[in-house]
Protein backbone atom coordinates (compact mmCIF):
# COMPACT_ATOMS: atom_id res chain seq x y z
CA UNK A 1 -0.16 0.15 -0.01
CA UNK A 2 1.42 3.59 -1.14
CA UNK A 3 1.17 5.70 1.97
CA UNK A 4 2.54 8.37 0.60
CA UNK A 5 -0.55 9.66 -0.32
CA UNK A 6 -3.50 10.30 2.15
CA UNK A 7 -5.54 7.24 3.15
CA UNK A 8 -9.36 6.39 4.68
CA UNK A 9 -9.19 3.78 7.94
CA UNK A 10 -12.67 2.63 9.37
CA UNK A 11 -13.09 2.56 12.88
CA UNK A 12 -14.70 -0.97 14.50
CA UNK A 13 -14.27 -0.75 18.30
CA UNK A 14 -15.39 -4.23 19.30
CA UNK A 15 -16.44 -2.63 23.16
CA UNK A 16 -19.68 -1.93 24.64
CA UNK A 17 -18.15 1.15 26.38
CA UNK A 18 -15.68 3.16 23.59
CA UNK A 19 -15.38 6.82 23.57
CA UNK A 20 -18.24 7.02 20.21
CA UNK A 21 -21.22 5.23 20.67
CA UNK A 22 -21.20 5.43 16.62
CA UNK A 23 -18.15 3.04 16.56
CA UNK A 24 -18.92 0.31 18.87
CA UNK A 25 -20.02 -2.97 17.87
CA UNK A 26 -20.63 -6.18 19.21
CA UNK A 27 -22.60 -9.22 17.00
CA UNK A 28 -20.97 -10.75 14.26
CA UNK A 29 -23.88 -8.91 11.82
CA UNK A 30 -22.75 -5.51 13.23
CA UNK A 31 -19.60 -5.68 12.58
CA UNK A 32 -20.33 -7.16 8.88
CA UNK A 33 -22.79 -4.25 8.36
CA UNK A 34 -20.01 -1.57 9.07
CA UNK A 35 -17.46 -3.21 7.83
CA UNK A 36 -19.13 -3.17 4.22
CA UNK A 37 -20.06 -0.12 4.47
CA UNK A 38 -16.83 1.40 5.81
CA UNK A 39 -15.48 -0.39 2.42
CA UNK A 40 -18.17 0.93 0.11
CA UNK A 41 -17.52 4.21 1.10
CA UNK A 42 -13.66 4.17 0.52
CA UNK A 43 -12.05 3.40 3.49
CA UNK A 44 -8.53 1.98 2.55
CA UNK A 45 -8.12 -0.22 5.98
CA UNK A 46 -10.34 -1.14 8.70
CA UNK A 47 -9.07 -0.50 11.72
CA UNK A 48 -10.39 -3.04 14.77
CA UNK A 49 -10.04 -2.40 18.64
CA UNK A 50 -11.40 -4.41 21.15
CA UNK A 51 -10.21 -2.35 24.56
CA UNK A 52 -11.66 1.00 25.51
CA UNK A 53 -9.16 4.06 25.82
CA UNK A 54 -11.99 6.06 27.58
CA UNK A 55 -11.21 7.85 30.89
CA UNK A 56 -12.75 5.49 33.29
CA UNK A 57 -13.67 2.47 31.15
CA UNK A 58 -12.84 -1.13 32.80
CA UNK A 59 -9.98 -3.17 32.15
CA UNK A 60 -10.53 -6.51 30.43
CA UNK A 61 -7.95 -8.91 30.25
CA UNK A 62 -5.61 -9.56 27.51
CA UNK A 63 -7.42 -12.76 26.71
CA UNK A 64 -10.97 -10.90 26.41
CA UNK A 65 -9.31 -7.79 24.21
CA UNK A 66 -7.65 -10.99 21.83
CA UNK A 67 -11.31 -12.86 21.71
CA UNK A 68 -12.68 -9.21 20.76
CA UNK A 69 -10.50 -8.80 17.89
CA UNK A 70 -9.49 -12.07 17.07
CA UNK A 71 -13.75 -13.01 16.53
CA UNK A 72 -13.65 -9.76 14.60
CA UNK A 73 -11.09 -9.93 12.51
CA UNK A 74 -12.06 -13.73 11.21
CA UNK A 75 -15.24 -12.84 10.58
CA UNK A 76 -14.57 -9.54 8.62
CA UNK A 77 -11.82 -11.59 6.33
CA UNK A 78 -14.51 -14.60 5.59
CA UNK A 79 -16.74 -11.82 4.14
CA UNK A 80 -14.13 -9.25 2.81
CA UNK A 81 -10.98 -11.54 2.22
CA UNK A 82 -9.27 -8.63 0.20
CA UNK A 83 -9.87 -5.61 3.17
CA UNK A 84 -6.68 -4.34 4.84
CA UNK A 85 -7.10 -4.79 8.81
CA UNK A 86 -5.31 -2.99 11.05
CA UNK A 87 -5.27 -3.66 14.81
CA UNK A 88 -5.78 -1.21 17.29
CA UNK A 89 -3.97 -2.47 20.76
CA UNK A 90 -1.07 -1.74 23.25
CA UNK A 91 -0.56 -5.56 23.97
CA UNK A 92 2.23 -6.84 21.51
CA UNK A 93 0.45 -10.96 22.76
CA UNK A 94 -3.03 -9.33 21.56
CA UNK A 95 -0.98 -7.70 17.98
CA UNK A 96 0.56 -11.32 17.88
CA UNK A 97 -2.70 -13.30 18.04
CA UNK A 98 -4.08 -10.88 15.62
CA UNK A 99 -1.72 -11.74 12.68
CA UNK A 100 -1.35 -15.15 12.90
């Protein structure tokens, strides 16, 4: 991907308590529908996050974050195999699982 030109990233927060309610997706159907809309609207990358960074958000385990992210990535990839997906995480273990 040529990053010398601006790219559009669609944000999929797989968490019940992210900052922006409109970016939260919890069911597989909602995740796939949102991903499809973002891609058809011109998103070059879909960014999947499973951990809320909102002030006061509950801490979740690495396992829970990984489960959320991996489930979403698998579902998106099965429906949109050409989609470029990034993972929003601060945990190396979650990033590692996401790219396997």
